[in-house]
Amino acid sequence: MVSSLHRGQLAEQKAGAFLRHQGLRVIEHNYRRPFGEIDLIARDGETLVFVEVRKRSHLGFADGAESIDWRKQRRLRRTAEAFMQQRRWNGPARFDVLVLDADDHIEWLQDAIQDA
């Protein structure tokens, strides 16, 4: 039996490979701060992309974007701000969500998390 942690790690590896295949350059995995974590950080040309990876094993659960509530969005934003300050980034940035279903088909939701 595969643990949920291991499933999550496998999903993130597949998501990273998918992004690279799409022409993005993954620059960070599991960027952690005390207030949050970002699964993947990539460059899409001149745009910094913060990526939340969601693995869906059952169809009955909310889709990837819907599963990211306002608390998680706030943590993602704070963590992204910390990364941009650390790297002195002042260019464009966006939040994407990659959803892997039970068969590992990937749905890429670009610019999925926006300011309210």
C-alpha atoms as a PDB file:
ATOM      1  CA  MET A   1       0.000   0.000   0.000  1.00  0.00           C
ATOM      2  CA  VAL A   2       1.307   3.421  -0.968  1.00  0.00           C
ATOM      3  CA  SER A   3       1.161   6.163   1.675  1.00  0.00           C
ATOM      4  CA  SER A   4      -0.523   9.474   0.926  1.00  0.00           C
ATOM      5  CA  LEU A   5       2.852  11.205   1.376  1.00  0.00           C
ATOM      6  CA  HIS A   6       4.426   8.923  -1.232  1.00  0.00           C
ATOM      7  CA  ARG A   7       1.450   9.444  -3.592  1.00  0.00           C
ATOM      8  CA  GLY A   8       1.893  13.183  -3.224  1.00  0.00           C
ATOM      9  CA  GLN A   9       5.599  12.980  -3.975  1.00  0.00           C
ATOM     10  CA  LEU A  10       4.943  10.861  -7.070  1.00  0.00           C
ATOM     11  CA  ALA A  11       2.283  13.319  -8.228  1.00  0.00           C
ATOM     12  CA  GLU A  12       4.716  16.229  -7.811  1.00  0.00           C
ATOM     13  CA  GLN A  13       7.394  14.365  -9.792  1.00  0.00           C
ATOM     14  CA  LYS A  14       4.921  13.698 -12.619  1.00  0.00           C
ATOM     15  CA  ALA A  15       3.755  17.317 -12.511  1.00  0.00           C
ATOM     16  CA  GLY A  16       7.353  18.560 -12.746  1.00  0.00           C
ATOM     17  CA  ALA A  17       8.027  16.303 -15.737  1.00  0.00           C
ATOM     18  CA  PHE A  18       4.802  17.533 -17.364  1.00  0.00           C
ATOM     19  CA  LEU A  19       5.794  21.184 -16.909  1.00  0.00           C
ATOM     20  CA  ARG A  20       9.271  20.564 -18.325  1.00  0.00           C
ATOM     21  CA  HIS A  21       7.681  18.830 -21.320  1.00  0.00           C
ATOM     22  CA  GLN A  22       5.527  21.956 -21.806  1.00  0.00           C
ATOM     23  CA  GLY A  23       8.682  24.102 -21.955  1.00  0.00           C
ATOM     24  CA  LEU A  24       8.770  25.452 -18.390  1.00  0.00           C
ATOM     25  CA  ARG A  25      11.914  25.329 -16.271  1.00  0.00           C
ATOM     26  CA  VAL A  26      11.304  23.991 -12.768  1.00  0.00           C
ATOM     27  CA  ILE A  27      13.542  25.924 -10.371  1.00  0.00           C
ATOM     28  CA  GLU A  28      12.301  24.804  -6.956  1.00  0.00           C
ATOM     29  CA  HIS A  29      10.554  21.809  -5.378  1.00  0.00           C
ATOM     30  CA  ASN A  30       8.669  22.009  -2.078  1.00  0.00           C
ATOM     31  CA  TYR A  31       9.609  25.557  -1.150  1.00  0.00           C
ATOM     32  CA  ARG A  32       8.796  25.817   2.565  1.00  0.00           C
ATOM     33  CA  ARG A  33       8.374  28.736   4.924  1.00  0.00           C
ATOM     34  CA  PRO A  34       6.940  28.572   8.449  1.00  0.00           C
ATOM     35  CA  PHE A  35       3.541  29.711   7.135  1.00  0.00           C
ATOM     36  CA  GLY A  36       3.245  27.565   4.014  1.00  0.00           C
ATOM     37  CA  GLU A  37       4.657  25.475   1.195  1.00  0.00           C
ATOM     38  CA  ILE A  38       4.599  25.687  -2.590  1.00  0.00           C
ATOM     39  CA  ASP A  39       4.880  22.373  -4.402  1.00  0.00           C
ATOM     40  CA  LEU A  40       6.736  23.589  -7.504  1.00  0.00           C
ATOM     41  CA  ILE A  41       8.109  26.904  -8.709  1.00  0.00           C
ATOM     42  CA  ALA A  42       8.909  27.261 -12.398  1.00  0.00           C
ATOM     43  CA  ARG A  43       9.771  29.805 -15.043  1.00  0.00           C
ATOM     44  CA  ASP A  44       7.511  30.154 -18.079  1.00  0.00           C
ATOM     45  CA  GLY A  45       9.544  32.551 -20.175  1.00  0.00           C
ATOM     46  CA  GLU A  46       9.713  35.747 -18.126  1.00  0.00           C
ATOM     47  CA  THR A  47       6.898  34.667 -15.778  1.00  0.00           C
ATOM     48  CA  LEU A  48       7.438  33.049 -12.397  1.00  0.00           C
ATOM     49  CA  VAL A  49       4.890  30.265 -11.874  1.00  0.00           C
ATOM     50  CA  PHE A  50       3.877  28.984  -8.437  1.00  0.00           C
ATOM     51  CA  VAL A  51       2.318  25.544  -8.820  1.00  0.00           C
ATOM     52  CA  GLU A  52      -0.021  23.697  -6.483  1.00  0.00           C
ATOM     53  CA  VAL A  53      -0.249  19.979  -7.316  1.00  0.00           C
ATOM     54  CA  ARG A  54      -3.439  18.091  -6.482  1.00  0.00           C
ATOM     55  CA  LYS A  55      -3.879  14.342  -6.758  1.00  0.00           C
ATOM     56  CA  ARG A  56      -7.492  13.238  -7.042  1.00  0.00           C
ATOM     57  CA  SER A  57      -8.085   9.559  -6.384  1.00  0.00           C
ATOM     58  CA  HIS A  58     -11.903   9.784  -6.339  1.00  0.00           C
ATOM     59  CA  LEU A  59     -14.218  11.592  -8.726  1.00  0.00           C
ATOM     60  CA  GLY A  60     -16.540  12.648  -5.912  1.00  0.00           C
ATOM     61  CA  PHE A  61     -14.085  15.127  -4.413  1.00  0.00           C
ATOM     62  CA  ALA A  62     -13.873  18.788  -5.395  1.00  0.00           C
ATOM     63  CA  ASP A  63     -11.738  19.549  -8.409  1.00  0.00           C
ATOM     64  CA  GLY A  64      -8.221  20.867  -7.934  1.00  0.00           C
ATOM     65  CA  ALA A  65      -8.964  24.582  -7.981  1.00  0.00           C
ATOM     66  CA  GLU A  66     -12.095  24.247  -5.835  1.00  0.00           C
ATOM     67  CA  SER A  67     -10.135  22.325  -3.208  1.00  0.00           C
ATOM     68  CA  ILE A  68      -7.941  25.368  -2.527  1.00  0.00           C
ATOM     69  CA  ASP A  69      -9.888  27.380   0.017  1.00  0.00           C
ATOM     70  CA  TRP A  70      -9.183  30.978   1.028  1.00  0.00           C
ATOM     71  CA  ARG A  71      -6.900  29.869   3.900  1.00  0.00           C
ATOM     72  CA  LYS A  72      -4.721  27.816   1.552  1.00  0.00           C
ATOM     73  CA  GLN A  73      -4.708  30.671  -0.980  1.00  0.00           C
ATOM     74  CA  ARG A  74      -3.529  33.074   1.731  1.00  0.00           C
ATOM     75  CA  ARG A  75      -0.709  30.692   2.717  1.00  0.00           C
ATOM     76  CA  LEU A  76       0.285  30.280  -0.937  1.00  0.00           C
ATOM     77  CA  ARG A  77       0.377  34.046  -1.467  1.00  0.00           C
ATOM     78  CA  ARG A  78       2.461  34.645   1.675  1.00  0.00           C
ATOM     79  CA  THR A  79       4.886  31.903   0.694  1.00  0.00           C
ATOM     80  CA  ALA A  80       5.144  33.230  -2.875  1.00  0.00           C
ATOM     81  CA  GLU A  81       5.801  36.740  -1.550  1.00  0.00           C
ATOM     82  CA  ALA A  82       8.601  35.366   0.649  1.00  0.00           C
ATOM     83  CA  PHE A  83      10.164  33.604  -2.350  1.00  0.00           C
ATOM     84  CA  MET A  84       9.963  36.727  -4.512  1.00  0.00           C
ATOM     85  CA  GLN A  85      11.515  38.866  -1.770  1.00  0.00           C
ATOM     86  CA  GLN A  86      14.271  36.323  -1.197  1.00  0.00           C
ATOM     87  CA  ARG A  87      15.066  36.200  -4.926  1.00  0.00           C
ATOM     88  CA  ARG A  88      14.426  39.940  -5.433  1.00  0.00           C
ATOM     89  CA  TRP A  89      11.857  39.083  -8.114  1.00  0.00           C
ATOM     90  CA  ASN A  90       9.809  41.984  -9.469  1.00  0.00           C
ATOM     91  CA  GLY A  91       8.605  40.462 -12.738  1.00  0.00           C
ATOM     92  CA  PRO A  92       5.267  38.856 -13.589  1.00  0.00           C
ATOM     93  CA  ALA A  93       4.038  35.880 -11.584  1.00  0.00           C
ATOM     94  CA  ARG A  94       1.011  33.584 -11.550  1.00  0.00           C
ATOM     95  CA  PHE A  95      -0.458  30.658  -9.622  1.00  0.00           C
ATOM     96  CA  ASP A  96      -1.239  27.463 -11.515  1.00  0.00           C
ATOM     97  CA  VAL A  97      -2.854  24.243 -10.353  1.00  0.00           C
ATOM     98  CA  LEU A  98      -2.001  20.830 -11.799  1.00  0.00           C
ATOM     99  CA  VAL A  99      -4.620  18.177 -11.089  1.00  0.00           C
ATOM    100  CA  LEU A 100      -3.752  14.518 -11.551  1.00  0.00           C
ATOM    101  CA  ASP A 101      -6.703  12.142 -11.647  1.00  0.00           C
ATOM    102  CA  ALA A 102      -6.719   8.495 -10.577  1.00  0.00           C
ATOM    103  CA  ASP A 103      -5.190   7.512 -13.956  1.00  0.00           C
ATOM    104  CA  ASP A 104      -2.562  10.295 -13.723  1.00  0.00           C
ATOM    105  CA  HIS A 105      -4.109  12.343 -16.519  1.00  0.00           C
ATOM    106  CA  ILE A 106      -3.100  15.940 -15.914  1.00  0.00           C
ATOM    107  CA  GLU A 107      -5.332  18.989 -16.070  1.00  0.00           C
ATOM    108  CA  TRP A 108      -3.338  22.228 -16.122  1.00  0.00           C
ATOM    109  CA  LEU A 109      -5.212  25.212 -14.756  1.00  0.00           C
ATOM    110  CA  GLN A 110      -3.148  28.281 -15.560  1.00  0.00           C
ATOM    111  CA  ASP A 111      -3.603  31.451 -13.524  1.00  0.00           C
ATOM    112  CA  ALA A 112      -6.077  29.485 -11.401  1.00  0.00           C
ATOM    113  CA  ILE A 113      -5.639  31.461  -8.192  1.00  0.00           C
ATOM    114  CA  GLN A 114      -6.167  35.175  -8.570  1.00  0.00           C
ATOM    115  CA  ASP A 115      -6.470  38.061  -6.159  1.00  0.00           C
ATOM    116  CA  ALA A 116      -9.990  38.558  -4.863  1.00  0.00           C
END
